[in-house]
Amino acid sequence: MSDAAPPRTASPGDVCLISGATGFIGGRLAQRLVADGYRVRGLARASSDTSALEAFEIEVAVGDLTDPSSLAAAAKGCRYLFHCGALVSDWATVEEIRRVNVEGTRNLLEASVAASVERVVHFSTTDVYGHPGRRVDETYVAQRFANWYAETKLAAEAEVRRAGEADRLEAVILRPATVYGPGSKDVIGEIARALRNGSMLLLDRGRAIAGLCYVDNLIDAAVLALRSGAAPGQAFNVSDGLDVSWRKFTDDLAAGLGCSPARWSMPYAIANAIGASLEHGYRLLRRTAHLSTPPLLSRQAVQVLGKDQDFANQKLRATLGWEPRVDYEGGLEATVAWLRG
């Protein structure tokens, strides 16, 4: 696609389909697009709680990434697609993760092409870099991965690129770092719970850069990716560019919540070995005892907490004119207010 394409503006007839619309990021995006004048359709599984979408008068399309027939109906009449849906898991089998993240992405892209969707904004992750522990930009290519989730997200990006090249679908890839903010139950909610009950574990005393991205700054990037003529065919890191460490972030959260800071720390190498053992043991227990709780520690969590999450955002700034609208203090204040509420 040509970078000379004109910027887009919203019109009442523009329908945006959002996969993962009942999740933290997808839900926030849906609300923003409605506020900007778009019609929004949220893809949700039959078992999902869609009350938050319905409160904003967002149309709900019941479907599943692994069911192509349901996706055809969901994509019909849509001009744009935001693909936020994925299986994020430290311990599911590779077959389970691939079925959703790779095959599911392919299914959704095929349904979108058949429905004449013009542009897709695909939410990937900085995990595709394999956690090198140093500053990297979009040109970095990972040589190895320690978890299947990251592998499947990189494979999903390949599906998006293929659709962009073969089917003339305008494709944009966003790679968010650690997204935080009100509504982040699976990350910030778990950290807050651990701080409150005194079980929060840091690695190497929390020295690693957390790679934070406030959720509304990510949503700003997604809207720019939708509207910019320079975005198609590109991948962008989305990180606020802060040098905030996990120690500072958890200390600041603890202070805001009125509880003690994290007391426990473990060397990275020991934690990584324990995480690998727990992953294998939990997968075995899951098959034999139908265990439903996640492992206490995983290699994915160890890498995020123990290696610098330092991702350059210059390309996003230069190409799309993005700037982090919400600074660290503002993002932390809003997050703590949500946690206290």
C-alpha atoms as a PDB file:
ATOM      1  CA  MET A   1       0.000   0.000   0.000  1.00  0.00           C
ATOM      2  CA  SER A   2       1.196   3.509  -0.765  1.00  0.00           C
ATOM      3  CA  ASP A   3       2.257   5.783   2.085  1.00  0.00           C
ATOM      4  CA  ALA A   4       0.649   8.604   0.122  1.00  0.00           C
ATOM      5  CA  ALA A   5      -2.886   7.431   0.958  1.00  0.00           C
ATOM      6  CA  PRO A   6      -4.893  10.278   2.517  1.00  0.00           C
ATOM      7  CA  PRO A   7      -5.790  10.235   6.216  1.00  0.00           C
ATOM      8  CA  ARG A   8      -9.228   8.875   7.078  1.00  0.00           C
ATOM      9  CA  THR A   9     -12.023  10.587   8.947  1.00  0.00           C
ATOM     10  CA  ALA A  10     -14.938   8.950  10.729  1.00  0.00           C
ATOM     11  CA  SER A  11     -18.346   8.830   9.135  1.00  0.00           C
ATOM     12  CA  PRO A  12     -21.598   7.445  10.561  1.00  0.00           C
ATOM     13  CA  GLY A  13     -21.474   4.543   8.134  1.00  0.00           C
ATOM     14  CA  ASP A  14     -18.037   3.297   9.193  1.00  0.00           C
ATOM     15  CA  VAL A  15     -18.368   0.067  11.166  1.00  0.00           C
ATOM     16  CA  CYS A  16     -15.386  -1.189  13.166  1.00  0.00           C
ATOM     17  CA  LEU A  17     -15.204  -4.818  14.215  1.00  0.00           C
ATOM     18  CA  ILE A  18     -13.193  -5.469  17.388  1.00  0.00           C
ATOM     19  CA  SER A  19     -12.133  -8.959  18.348  1.00  0.00           C
ATOM     20  CA  GLY A  20     -11.432  -9.369  22.038  1.00  0.00           C
ATOM     21  CA  ALA A  21     -13.889  -6.545  22.691  1.00  0.00           C
ATOM     22  CA  THR A  22     -14.769  -7.781  26.177  1.00  0.00           C
ATOM     23  CA  GLY A  23     -11.123  -7.657  27.268  1.00  0.00           C
ATOM     24  CA  PHE A  24      -9.138  -4.883  28.916  1.00  0.00           C
ATOM     25  CA  ILE A  25      -7.700  -3.315  25.753  1.00  0.00           C
ATOM     26  CA  GLY A  26     -10.535  -4.179  23.369  1.00  0.00           C
ATOM     27  CA  GLY A  27     -13.143  -2.757  25.719  1.00  0.00           C
ATOM     28  CA  ARG A  28     -11.257   0.507  26.145  1.00  0.00           C
ATOM     29  CA  LEU A  29     -10.820   0.762  22.376  1.00  0.00           C
ATOM     30  CA  ALA A  30     -14.524   0.165  21.770  1.00  0.00           C
ATOM     31  CA  GLN A  31     -15.480   3.028  24.064  1.00  0.00           C
ATOM     32  CA  ARG A  32     -13.005   5.378  22.356  1.00  0.00           C
ATOM     33  CA  LEU A  33     -14.214   4.539  18.855  1.00  0.00           C
ATOM     34  CA  VAL A  34     -17.835   5.134  19.869  1.00  0.00           C
ATOM     35  CA  ALA A  35     -16.813   8.497  21.328  1.00  0.00           C
ATOM     36  CA  ASP A  36     -15.056   9.321  18.033  1.00  0.00           C
ATOM     37  CA  GLY A  37     -18.216   8.673  16.029  1.00  0.00           C
ATOM     38  CA  TYR A  38     -17.641   5.180  14.678  1.00  0.00           C
ATOM     39  CA  ARG A  39     -20.160   2.379  14.784  1.00  0.00           C
ATOM     40  CA  VAL A  40     -18.640  -0.483  16.719  1.00  0.00           C
ATOM     41  CA  ARG A  41     -19.328  -4.201  16.629  1.00  0.00           C
ATOM     42  CA  GLY A  42     -17.678  -6.308  19.309  1.00  0.00           C
ATOM     43  CA  LEU A  43     -16.830  -9.944  18.634  1.00  0.00           C
ATOM     44  CA  ALA A  44     -17.451 -11.996  21.769  1.00  0.00           C
ATOM     45  CA  ARG A  45     -17.822 -15.638  22.638  1.00  0.00           C
ATOM     46  CA  ALA A  46     -21.202 -16.852  23.824  1.00  0.00           C
ATOM     47  CA  SER A  47     -19.831 -17.292  27.355  1.00  0.00           C
ATOM     48  CA  SER A  48     -18.435 -13.738  27.610  1.00  0.00           C
ATOM     49  CA  ASP A  49     -19.872 -10.987  29.786  1.00  0.00           C
ATOM     50  CA  THR A  50     -20.936  -8.322  27.283  1.00  0.00           C
ATOM     51  CA  SER A  51     -22.676  -5.976  29.734  1.00  0.00           C
ATOM     52  CA  ALA A  52     -19.945  -3.327  29.476  1.00  0.00           C
ATOM     53  CA  LEU A  53     -20.306  -3.246  25.672  1.00  0.00           C
ATOM     54  CA  GLU A  54     -24.085  -3.082  25.849  1.00  0.00           C
ATOM     55  CA  ALA A  55     -23.861  -0.176  28.301  1.00  0.00           C
ATOM     56  CA  PHE A  56     -22.221   1.849  25.509  1.00  0.00           C
ATOM     57  CA  GLU A  57     -24.745   0.601  22.943  1.00  0.00           C
ATOM     58  CA  ILE A  58     -22.059  -1.399  21.163  1.00  0.00           C
ATOM     59  CA  GLU A  59     -23.376  -4.136  18.889  1.00  0.00           C
ATOM     60  CA  VAL A  60     -22.327  -7.609  19.986  1.00  0.00           C
ATOM     61  CA  ALA A  61     -21.539 -10.303  17.425  1.00  0.00           C
ATOM     62  CA  VAL A  62     -21.379 -13.738  19.008  1.00  0.00           C
ATOM     63  CA  GLY A  63     -18.521 -15.694  17.510  1.00  0.00           C
ATOM     64  CA  ASP A  64     -15.261 -17.513  18.072  1.00  0.00           C
ATOM     65  CA  LEU A  65     -11.897 -17.176  16.331  1.00  0.00           C
ATOM     66  CA  THR A  66     -11.841 -20.936  15.837  1.00  0.00           C
ATOM     67  CA  ASP A  67     -15.271 -20.958  14.127  1.00  0.00           C
ATOM     68  CA  PRO A  68     -14.965 -19.443  10.616  1.00  0.00           C
ATOM     69  CA  SER A  69     -18.735 -19.442   9.980  1.00  0.00           C
ATOM     70  CA  SER A  70     -19.343 -17.206  12.996  1.00  0.00           C
ATOM     71  CA  LEU A  71     -16.657 -14.779  11.816  1.00  0.00           C
ATOM     72  CA  ALA A  72     -18.212 -14.350   8.391  1.00  0.00           C
ATOM     73  CA  ALA A  73     -21.384 -13.013   9.974  1.00  0.00           C
ATOM     74  CA  ALA A  74     -19.445 -10.779  12.368  1.00  0.00           C
ATOM     75  CA  ALA A  75     -17.344  -9.165   9.616  1.00  0.00           C
ATOM     76  CA  LYS A  76     -20.233  -8.524   7.228  1.00  0.00           C
ATOM     77  CA  GLY A  77     -20.693  -4.814   6.606  1.00  0.00           C
ATOM     78  CA  CYS A  78     -17.537  -3.758   8.486  1.00  0.00           C
ATOM     79  CA  ARG A  79     -15.035  -1.348   6.996  1.00  0.00           C
ATOM     80  CA  TYR A  80     -12.307  -1.756   9.624  1.00  0.00           C
ATOM     81  CA  LEU A  81     -11.014  -4.521  11.881  1.00  0.00           C
ATOM     82  CA  PHE A  82      -9.146  -4.199  15.168  1.00  0.00           C
ATOM     83  CA  HIS A  83      -7.814  -7.627  16.114  1.00  0.00           C
ATOM     84  CA  CYS A  84      -7.264  -7.624  19.889  1.00  0.00           C
ATOM     85  CA  GLY A  85      -8.392 -11.194  20.564  1.00  0.00           C
ATOM     86  CA  ALA A  86      -5.800 -13.782  21.561  1.00  0.00           C
ATOM     87  CA  LEU A  87      -5.152 -16.625  23.960  1.00  0.00           C
ATOM     88  CA  VAL A  88      -2.630 -15.277  26.464  1.00  0.00           C
ATOM     89  CA  SER A  89      -1.351 -18.230  28.462  1.00  0.00           C
ATOM     90  CA  ASP A  90       1.819 -19.336  30.180  1.00  0.00           C
ATOM     91  CA  TRP A  91       0.852 -22.967  30.362  1.00  0.00           C
ATOM     92  CA  ALA A  92      -1.715 -23.967  27.737  1.00  0.00           C
ATOM     93  CA  THR A  93      -0.502 -26.461  25.143  1.00  0.00           C
ATOM     94  CA  VAL A  94       1.066 -25.224  21.932  1.00  0.00           C
ATOM     95  CA  GLU A  95      -1.883 -26.680  20.009  1.00  0.00           C
ATOM     96  CA  GLU A  96      -4.390 -24.684  22.068  1.00  0.00           C
ATOM     97  CA  ILE A  97      -2.476 -21.422  21.728  1.00  0.00           C
ATOM     98  CA  ARG A  98      -1.803 -21.880  18.009  1.00  0.00           C
ATOM     99  CA  ARG A  99      -5.442 -22.718  17.286  1.00  0.00           C
ATOM    100  CA  VAL A 100      -6.532 -19.317  18.596  1.00  0.00           C
ATOM    101  CA  ASN A 101      -3.579 -17.023  17.915  1.00  0.00           C
ATOM    102  CA  VAL A 102      -2.474 -18.282  14.498  1.00  0.00           C
ATOM    103  CA  GLU A 103      -5.342 -20.214  12.946  1.00  0.00           C
ATOM    104  CA  GLY A 104      -7.872 -17.881  14.565  1.00  0.00           C
ATOM    105  CA  THR A 105      -6.100 -14.836  13.137  1.00  0.00           C
ATOM    106  CA  ARG A 106      -6.100 -16.475   9.697  1.00  0.00           C
ATOM    107  CA  ASN A 107      -9.807 -17.243  10.007  1.00  0.00           C
ATOM    108  CA  LEU A 108     -10.639 -13.671  10.965  1.00  0.00           C
ATOM    109  CA  LEU A 109      -8.528 -12.204   8.161  1.00  0.00           C
ATOM    110  CA  GLU A 110     -10.178 -14.458   5.585  1.00  0.00           C
ATOM    111  CA  ALA A 111     -13.618 -13.447   6.836  1.00  0.00           C
ATOM    112  CA  SER A 112     -12.594  -9.790   6.706  1.00  0.00           C
ATOM    113  CA  VAL A 113     -11.276 -10.032   3.148  1.00  0.00           C
ATOM    114  CA  ALA A 114     -14.495 -11.756   2.062  1.00  0.00           C
ATOM    115  CA  ALA A 115     -16.470  -8.943   3.692  1.00  0.00           C
ATOM    116  CA  SER A 116     -14.387  -6.264   1.887  1.00  0.00           C
ATOM    117  CA  VAL A 117     -12.859  -4.875   5.076  1.00  0.00           C
ATOM    118  CA  GLU A 118     -10.374  -2.178   4.067  1.00  0.00           C
ATOM    119  CA  ARG A 119      -7.945  -1.942   6.987  1.00  0.00           C
ATOM    120  CA  VAL A 120      -6.920  -4.155   9.879  1.00  0.00           C
ATOM    121  CA  VAL A 121      -5.073  -2.935  12.963  1.00  0.00           C
ATOM    122  CA  HIS A 122      -3.543  -6.017  14.544  1.00  0.00           C
ATOM    123  CA  PHE A 123      -2.533  -5.989  18.202  1.00  0.00           C
ATOM    124  CA  SER A 124       0.627  -8.038  18.607  1.00  0.00           C
ATOM    125  CA  THR A 125       3.126  -7.744  21.480  1.00  0.00           C
ATOM    126  CA  THR A 126       6.735  -6.831  22.172  1.00  0.00           C
ATOM    127  CA  ASP A 127       7.084 -10.469  23.291  1.00  0.00           C
ATOM    128  CA  VAL A 128       7.805 -11.210  19.612  1.00  0.00           C
ATOM    129  CA  TYR A 129      11.336  -9.909  20.261  1.00  0.00           C
ATOM    130  CA  GLY A 130      11.986 -12.782  22.661  1.00  0.00           C
ATOM    131  CA  HIS A 131      12.930 -10.533  25.619  1.00  0.00           C
ATOM    132  CA  PRO A 132      16.513  -9.673  24.593  1.00  0.00           C
ATOM    133  CA  GLY A 133      17.021  -7.549  27.722  1.00  0.00           C
ATOM    134  CA  ARG A 134      18.277  -4.523  25.812  1.00  0.00           C
ATOM    135  CA  ARG A 135      16.822  -1.664  23.814  1.00  0.00           C
ATOM    136  CA  VAL A 136      15.425  -2.798  20.456  1.00  0.00           C
ATOM    137  CA  ASP A 137      13.475  -1.263  17.613  1.00  0.00           C
ATOM    138  CA  GLU A 138      11.150  -2.778  15.008  1.00  0.00           C
ATOM    139  CA  THR A 139      14.025  -4.130  12.922  1.00  0.00           C
ATOM    140  CA  TYR A 140      15.133  -6.583  15.626  1.00  0.00           C
ATOM    141  CA  VAL A 141      14.450 -10.259  14.846  1.00  0.00           C
ATOM    142  CA  ALA A 142      14.309 -12.763  17.690  1.00  0.00           C
ATOM    143  CA  GLN A 143      16.505 -15.845  17.353  1.00  0.00           C
ATOM    144  CA  ARG A 144      14.783 -17.984  19.968  1.00  0.00           C
ATOM    145  CA  PHE A 145      11.771 -18.006  22.273  1.00  0.00           C
ATOM    146  CA  ALA A 146      11.224 -19.416  25.737  1.00  0.00           C
ATOM    147  CA  ASN A 147       7.445 -19.635  25.453  1.00  0.00           C
ATOM    148  CA  TRP A 148       4.895 -20.683  22.879  1.00  0.00           C
ATOM    149  CA  TYR A 149       2.740 -17.583  23.253  1.00  0.00           C
ATOM    150  CA  ALA A 150       5.461 -15.331  21.797  1.00  0.00           C
ATOM    151  CA  GLU A 151       6.030 -17.757  18.915  1.00  0.00           C
ATOM    152  CA  THR A 152       2.347 -17.803  18.022  1.00  0.00           C
ATOM    153  CA  LYS A 153       2.087 -14.017  18.132  1.00  0.00           C
ATOM    154  CA  LEU A 154       4.981 -13.740  15.687  1.00  0.00           C
ATOM    155  CA  ALA A 155       3.305 -16.324  13.454  1.00  0.00           C
ATOM    156  CA  ALA A 156       0.069 -14.313  13.667  1.00  0.00           C
ATOM    157  CA  GLU A 157       1.955 -11.256  12.419  1.00  0.00           C
ATOM    158  CA  ALA A 158       3.032 -13.304   9.399  1.00  0.00           C
ATOM    159  CA  GLU A 159      -0.627 -14.077   8.682  1.00  0.00           C
ATOM    160  CA  VAL A 160      -1.440 -10.361   8.813  1.00  0.00           C
ATOM    161  CA  ARG A 161       1.393  -9.507   6.431  1.00  0.00           C
ATOM    162  CA  ARG A 162       0.349 -12.269   4.051  1.00  0.00           C
ATOM    163  CA  ALA A 163      -3.196 -10.911   3.938  1.00  0.00           C
ATOM    164  CA  GLY A 164      -1.871  -7.415   3.366  1.00  0.00           C
ATOM    165  CA  GLU A 165       0.253  -8.513   0.421  1.00  0.00           C
ATOM    166  CA  ALA A 166      -1.972 -11.154  -1.176  1.00  0.00           C
ATOM    167  CA  ASP A 167      -5.414  -9.697  -0.554  1.00  0.00           C
ATOM    168  CA  ARG A 168      -4.659  -5.951  -0.685  1.00  0.00           C
ATOM    169  CA  LEU A 169      -5.835  -5.529   2.881  1.00  0.00           C
ATOM    170  CA  GLU A 170      -4.358  -2.430   4.514  1.00  0.00           C
ATOM    171  CA  ALA A 171      -2.561  -4.037   7.468  1.00  0.00           C
ATOM    172  CA  VAL A 172      -0.996  -2.306  10.470  1.00  0.00           C
ATOM    173  CA  ILE A 173       0.712  -4.128  13.331  1.00  0.00           C
ATOM    174  CA  LEU A 174       1.015  -2.660  16.828  1.00  0.00           C
ATOM    175  CA  ARG A 175       3.383  -4.194  19.373  1.00  0.00           C
ATOM    176  CA  PRO A 176       2.401  -2.966  22.850  1.00  0.00           C
ATOM    177  CA  ALA A 177       4.748  -3.413  25.799  1.00  0.00           C
ATOM    178  CA  THR A 178       3.356  -3.888  29.347  1.00  0.00           C
ATOM    179  CA  VAL A 179      -0.065  -2.229  29.169  1.00  0.00           C
ATOM    180  CA  TYR A 180      -1.429  -0.889  32.457  1.00  0.00           C
ATOM    181  CA  GLY A 181      -4.340   1.227  33.598  1.00  0.00           C
ATOM    182  CA  PRO A 182      -7.878   0.948  34.982  1.00  0.00           C
ATOM    183  CA  GLY A 183      -9.409  -2.410  34.082  1.00  0.00           C
ATOM    184  CA  SER A 184      -6.149  -4.393  33.881  1.00  0.00           C
ATOM    185  CA  LYS A 185      -7.334  -7.284  36.013  1.00  0.00           C
ATOM    186  CA  ASP A 186      -4.927  -9.925  34.720  1.00  0.00           C
ATOM    187  CA  VAL A 187      -1.744  -7.875  35.210  1.00  0.00           C
ATOM    188  CA  ILE A 188      -2.222  -4.873  37.495  1.00  0.00           C
ATOM    189  CA  GLY A 189      -5.030  -6.509  39.436  1.00  0.00           C
ATOM    190  CA  GLU A 190      -2.826  -9.523  40.167  1.00  0.00           C
ATOM    191  CA  ILE A 191       0.120  -7.327  41.196  1.00  0.00           C
ATOM    192  CA  ALA A 192      -2.123  -5.322  43.523  1.00  0.00           C
ATOM    193  CA  ARG A 193      -3.505  -8.507  45.051  1.00  0.00           C
ATOM    194  CA  ALA A 194       0.010  -9.808  45.654  1.00  0.00           C
ATOM    195  CA  LEU A 195       1.099  -6.509  47.224  1.00  0.00           C
ATOM    196  CA  ARG A 196      -1.891  -6.478  49.521  1.00  0.00           C
ATOM    197  CA  ASN A 197      -1.358 -10.020  50.759  1.00  0.00           C
ATOM    198  CA  GLY A 198       2.422  -9.701  50.992  1.00  0.00           C
ATOM    199  CA  SER A 199       3.256 -12.273  48.321  1.00  0.00           C
ATOM    200  CA  MET A 200       4.607 -10.001  45.561  1.00  0.00           C
ATOM    201  CA  LEU A 201       7.861 -11.431  44.205  1.00  0.00           C
ATOM    202  CA  LEU A 202      10.423  -9.297  42.388  1.00  0.00           C
ATOM    203  CA  LEU A 203      13.378 -10.605  40.413  1.00  0.00           C
ATOM    204  CA  ASP A 204      16.904  -9.271  40.964  1.00  0.00           C
ATOM    205  CA  ARG A 205      15.392  -6.725  43.391  1.00  0.00           C
ATOM    206  CA  GLY A 206      13.127  -5.323  40.686  1.00  0.00           C
ATOM    207  CA  ARG A 207      15.906  -3.589  38.764  1.00  0.00           C
ATOM    208  CA  ALA A 208      14.546  -4.410  35.276  1.00  0.00           C
ATOM    209  CA  ILE A 209      12.736  -1.739  33.246  1.00  0.00           C
ATOM    210  CA  ALA A 210       9.010  -2.524  33.261  1.00  0.00           C
ATOM    211  CA  GLY A 211       8.298  -1.279  29.718  1.00  0.00           C
ATOM    212  CA  LEU A 212       5.064   0.440  30.693  1.00  0.00           C
ATOM    213  CA  CYS A 213       2.421   1.682  28.281  1.00  0.00           C
ATOM    214  CA  TYR A 214      -0.677   3.382  29.662  1.00  0.00           C
ATOM    215  CA  VAL A 215      -3.773   1.945  28.038  1.00  0.00           C
ATOM    216  CA  ASP A 216      -5.104   5.242  26.649  1.00  0.00           C
ATOM    217  CA  ASN A 217      -1.743   5.933  25.011  1.00  0.00           C
ATOM    218  CA  LEU A 218      -2.060   2.576  23.262  1.00  0.00           C
ATOM    219  CA  ILE A 219      -5.595   3.429  22.159  1.00  0.00           C
ATOM    220  CA  ASP A 220      -4.314   6.720  20.743  1.00  0.00           C
ATOM    221  CA  ALA A 221      -1.811   4.725  18.684  1.00  0.00           C
ATOM    222  CA  ALA A 222      -4.571   2.420  17.432  1.00  0.00           C
ATOM    223  CA  VAL A 223      -6.700   5.350  16.273  1.00  0.00           C
ATOM    224  CA  LEU A 224      -3.725   6.897  14.501  1.00  0.00           C
ATOM    225  CA  ALA A 225      -3.015   3.521  12.868  1.00  0.00           C
ATOM    226  CA  LEU A 226      -6.579   3.504  11.582  1.00  0.00           C
ATOM    227  CA  ARG A 227      -6.509   7.019  10.157  1.00  0.00           C
ATOM    228  CA  SER A 228      -2.953   7.502   8.903  1.00  0.00           C
ATOM    229  CA  GLY A 229      -2.085   7.042   5.256  1.00  0.00           C
ATOM    230  CA  ALA A 230       1.464   6.119   6.282  1.00  0.00           C
ATOM    231  CA  ALA A 231       0.485   3.245   8.583  1.00  0.00           C
ATOM    232  CA  PRO A 232      -0.365   0.302   6.233  1.00  0.00           C
ATOM    233  CA  GLY A 233       2.393  -2.243   5.833  1.00  0.00           C
ATOM    234  CA  GLN A 234       4.150  -1.103   8.992  1.00  0.00           C
ATOM    235  CA  ALA A 235       4.760  -2.509  12.488  1.00  0.00           C
ATOM    236  CA  PHE A 236       5.118  -0.185  15.469  1.00  0.00           C
ATOM    237  CA  ASN A 237       6.323  -0.597  19.026  1.00  0.00           C
ATOM    238  CA  VAL A 238       3.961   1.057  21.489  1.00  0.00           C
ATOM    239  CA  SER A 239       5.661   1.930  24.755  1.00  0.00           C
ATOM    240  CA  ASP A 240       5.642   5.120  26.807  1.00  0.00           C
ATOM    241  CA  GLY A 241       9.448   5.045  26.749  1.00  0.00           C
ATOM    242  CA  LEU A 242       9.812   5.259  30.537  1.00  0.00           C
ATOM    243  CA  ASP A 243      12.816   4.039  32.510  1.00  0.00           C
ATOM    244  CA  VAL A 244      10.551   3.040  35.409  1.00  0.00           C
ATOM    245  CA  SER A 245      11.742  -0.184  37.031  1.00  0.00           C
ATOM    246  CA  TRP A 246       9.521  -2.892  38.476  1.00  0.00           C
ATOM    247  CA  ARG A 247      10.746  -1.866  41.939  1.00  0.00           C
ATOM    248  CA  LYS A 248       9.619   1.728  41.452  1.00  0.00           C
ATOM    249  CA  PHE A 249       6.324   0.746  39.845  1.00  0.00           C
ATOM    250  CA  THR A 250       5.362  -1.738  42.559  1.00  0.00           C
ATOM    251  CA  ASP A 251       6.546   0.635  45.291  1.00  0.00           C
ATOM    252  CA  ASP A 252       4.404   3.416  43.836  1.00  0.00           C
ATOM    253  CA  LEU A 253       1.392   1.104  43.575  1.00  0.00           C
ATOM    254  CA  ALA A 254       1.893  -0.045  47.163  1.00  0.00           C
ATOM    255  CA  ALA A 255       2.132   3.539  48.409  1.00  0.00           C
ATOM    256  CA  GLY A 256      -1.064   4.456  46.583  1.00  0.00           C
ATOM    257  CA  LEU A 257      -2.859   1.443  48.021  1.00  0.00           C
ATOM    258  CA  GLY A 258      -1.579   2.077  51.527  1.00  0.00           C
ATOM    259  CA  CYS A 259       0.183  -1.279  51.849  1.00  0.00           C
ATOM    260  CA  SER A 260       3.775  -2.434  52.316  1.00  0.00           C
ATOM    261  CA  PRO A 261       6.090  -2.596  49.304  1.00  0.00           C
ATOM    262  CA  ALA A 262       7.225  -5.911  47.884  1.00  0.00           C
ATOM    263  CA  ARG A 263       9.541  -7.673  50.334  1.00  0.00           C
ATOM    264  CA  TRP A 264      10.583 -10.760  48.389  1.00  0.00           C
ATOM    265  CA  SER A 265      13.163 -11.017  45.635  1.00  0.00           C
ATOM    266  CA  MET A 266      14.740 -13.941  43.791  1.00  0.00           C
ATOM    267  CA  PRO A 267      17.677 -14.177  41.360  1.00  0.00           C
ATOM    268  CA  TYR A 268      16.597 -14.384  37.723  1.00  0.00           C
ATOM    269  CA  ALA A 269      18.329 -17.689  36.992  1.00  0.00           C
ATOM    270  CA  ILE A 270      16.716 -19.486  39.917  1.00  0.00           C
ATOM    271  CA  ALA A 271      13.272 -18.082  39.118  1.00  0.00           C
ATOM    272  CA  ASN A 272      13.580 -19.119  35.471  1.00  0.00           C
ATOM    273  CA  ALA A 273      14.444 -22.694  36.415  1.00  0.00           C
ATOM    274  CA  ILE A 274      11.544 -22.860  38.857  1.00  0.00           C
ATOM    275  CA  GLY A 275       9.185 -21.392  36.263  1.00  0.00           C
ATOM    276  CA  ALA A 276      10.130 -24.027  33.700  1.00  0.00           C
ATOM    277  CA  SER A 277       9.560 -26.833  36.202  1.00  0.00           C
ATOM    278  CA  LEU A 278       6.221 -25.435  37.319  1.00  0.00           C
ATOM    279  CA  GLU A 279       5.007 -25.065  33.737  1.00  0.00           C
ATOM    280  CA  HIS A 280       5.691 -28.712  32.935  1.00  0.00           C
ATOM    281  CA  GLY A 281       4.207 -29.910  36.207  1.00  0.00           C
ATOM    282  CA  TYR A 282       1.067 -27.840  35.816  1.00  0.00           C
ATOM    283  CA  ARG A 283       0.488 -29.082  32.273  1.00  0.00           C
ATOM    284  CA  LEU A 284       0.687 -32.641  33.545  1.00  0.00           C
ATOM    285  CA  LEU A 285      -1.679 -31.902  36.426  1.00  0.00           C
ATOM    286  CA  ARG A 286      -4.044 -30.150  34.082  1.00  0.00           C
ATOM    287  CA  ARG A 287      -4.365 -33.262  31.940  1.00  0.00           C
ATOM    288  CA  THR A 288      -4.618 -35.718  34.836  1.00  0.00           C
ATOM    289  CA  ALA A 289      -6.436 -33.708  37.533  1.00  0.00           C
ATOM    290  CA  HIS A 290      -8.255 -31.095  35.394  1.00  0.00           C
ATOM    291  CA  LEU A 291      -6.458 -28.285  37.217  1.00  0.00           C
ATOM    292  CA  SER A 292      -7.838 -24.844  36.351  1.00  0.00           C
ATOM    293  CA  THR A 293      -5.589 -22.487  38.346  1.00  0.00           C
ATOM    294  CA  PRO A 294      -2.477 -21.021  36.666  1.00  0.00           C
ATOM    295  CA  PRO A 295       1.067 -21.854  37.780  1.00  0.00           C
ATOM    296  CA  LEU A 296       2.580 -19.718  40.536  1.00  0.00           C
ATOM    297  CA  LEU A 297       5.520 -18.800  38.323  1.00  0.00           C
ATOM    298  CA  SER A 298       6.251 -19.211  34.606  1.00  0.00           C
ATOM    299  CA  ARG A 299       9.124 -18.447  32.267  1.00  0.00           C
ATOM    300  CA  GLN A 300       6.991 -15.798  30.562  1.00  0.00           C
ATOM    301  CA  ALA A 301       6.463 -13.964  33.854  1.00  0.00           C
ATOM    302  CA  VAL A 302      10.133 -14.363  34.748  1.00  0.00           C
ATOM    303  CA  GLN A 303      11.254 -12.798  31.473  1.00  0.00           C
ATOM    304  CA  VAL A 304       8.865  -9.858  31.798  1.00  0.00           C
ATOM    305  CA  LEU A 305       9.856  -9.163  35.411  1.00  0.00           C
ATOM    306  CA  GLY A 306      13.544  -9.994  35.114  1.00  0.00           C
ATOM    307  CA  LYS A 307      14.729  -8.545  31.792  1.00  0.00           C
ATOM    308  CA  ASP A 308      14.640  -4.916  30.661  1.00  0.00           C
ATOM    309  CA  GLN A 309      11.516  -4.257  28.595  1.00  0.00           C
ATOM    310  CA  ASP A 310      13.076  -1.381  26.667  1.00  0.00           C
ATOM    311  CA  PHE A 311      11.482  -0.817  23.263  1.00  0.00           C
ATOM    312  CA  ALA A 312      12.147   2.174  21.026  1.00  0.00           C
ATOM    313  CA  ASN A 313       9.048   4.198  20.087  1.00  0.00           C
ATOM    314  CA  GLN A 314      10.707   6.640  17.661  1.00  0.00           C
ATOM    315  CA  LYS A 315       9.111   5.040  14.603  1.00  0.00           C
ATOM    316  CA  LEU A 316       5.624   5.490  16.032  1.00  0.00           C
ATOM    317  CA  ARG A 317       6.366   9.110  16.882  1.00  0.00           C
ATOM    318  CA  ALA A 318       7.940   9.946  13.521  1.00  0.00           C
ATOM    319  CA  THR A 319       5.539   8.065  11.248  1.00  0.00           C
ATOM    320  CA  LEU A 320       2.170   8.567  12.969  1.00  0.00           C
ATOM    321  CA  GLY A 321       2.877  11.654  15.072  1.00  0.00           C
ATOM    322  CA  TRP A 322       2.118   9.780  18.286  1.00  0.00           C
ATOM    323  CA  GLU A 323       3.018  11.132  21.702  1.00  0.00           C
ATOM    324  CA  PRO A 324       2.161   9.566  25.094  1.00  0.00           C
ATOM    325  CA  ARG A 325      -0.735  11.814  26.109  1.00  0.00           C
ATOM    326  CA  VAL A 326      -0.938  10.424  29.652  1.00  0.00           C
ATOM    327  CA  ASP A 327       2.297  10.640  31.650  1.00  0.00           C
ATOM    328  CA  TYR A 328       3.437   8.218  34.350  1.00  0.00           C
ATOM    329  CA  GLU A 329       2.038  10.239  37.245  1.00  0.00           C
ATOM    330  CA  GLY A 330      -1.360  10.562  35.583  1.00  0.00           C
ATOM    331  CA  GLY A 331      -1.473   6.916  34.587  1.00  0.00           C
ATOM    332  CA  LEU A 332      -0.470   5.774  38.067  1.00  0.00           C
ATOM    333  CA  GLU A 333      -3.068   8.009  39.723  1.00  0.00           C
ATOM    334  CA  ALA A 334      -5.877   6.671  37.514  1.00  0.00           C
ATOM    335  CA  THR A 335      -4.738   3.082  38.058  1.00  0.00           C
ATOM    336  CA  VAL A 336      -4.583   3.435  41.843  1.00  0.00           C
ATOM    337  CA  ALA A 337      -8.003   5.114  41.903  1.00  0.00           C
ATOM    338  CA  TRP A 338      -9.445   2.144  40.017  1.00  0.00           C
ATOM    339  CA  LEU A 339      -7.738  -0.358  42.320  1.00  0.00           C
ATOM    340  CA  ARG A 340      -8.977   1.435  45.438  1.00  0.00           C
ATOM    341  CA  GLY A 341     -12.481   1.564  43.990  1.00  0.00           C
END
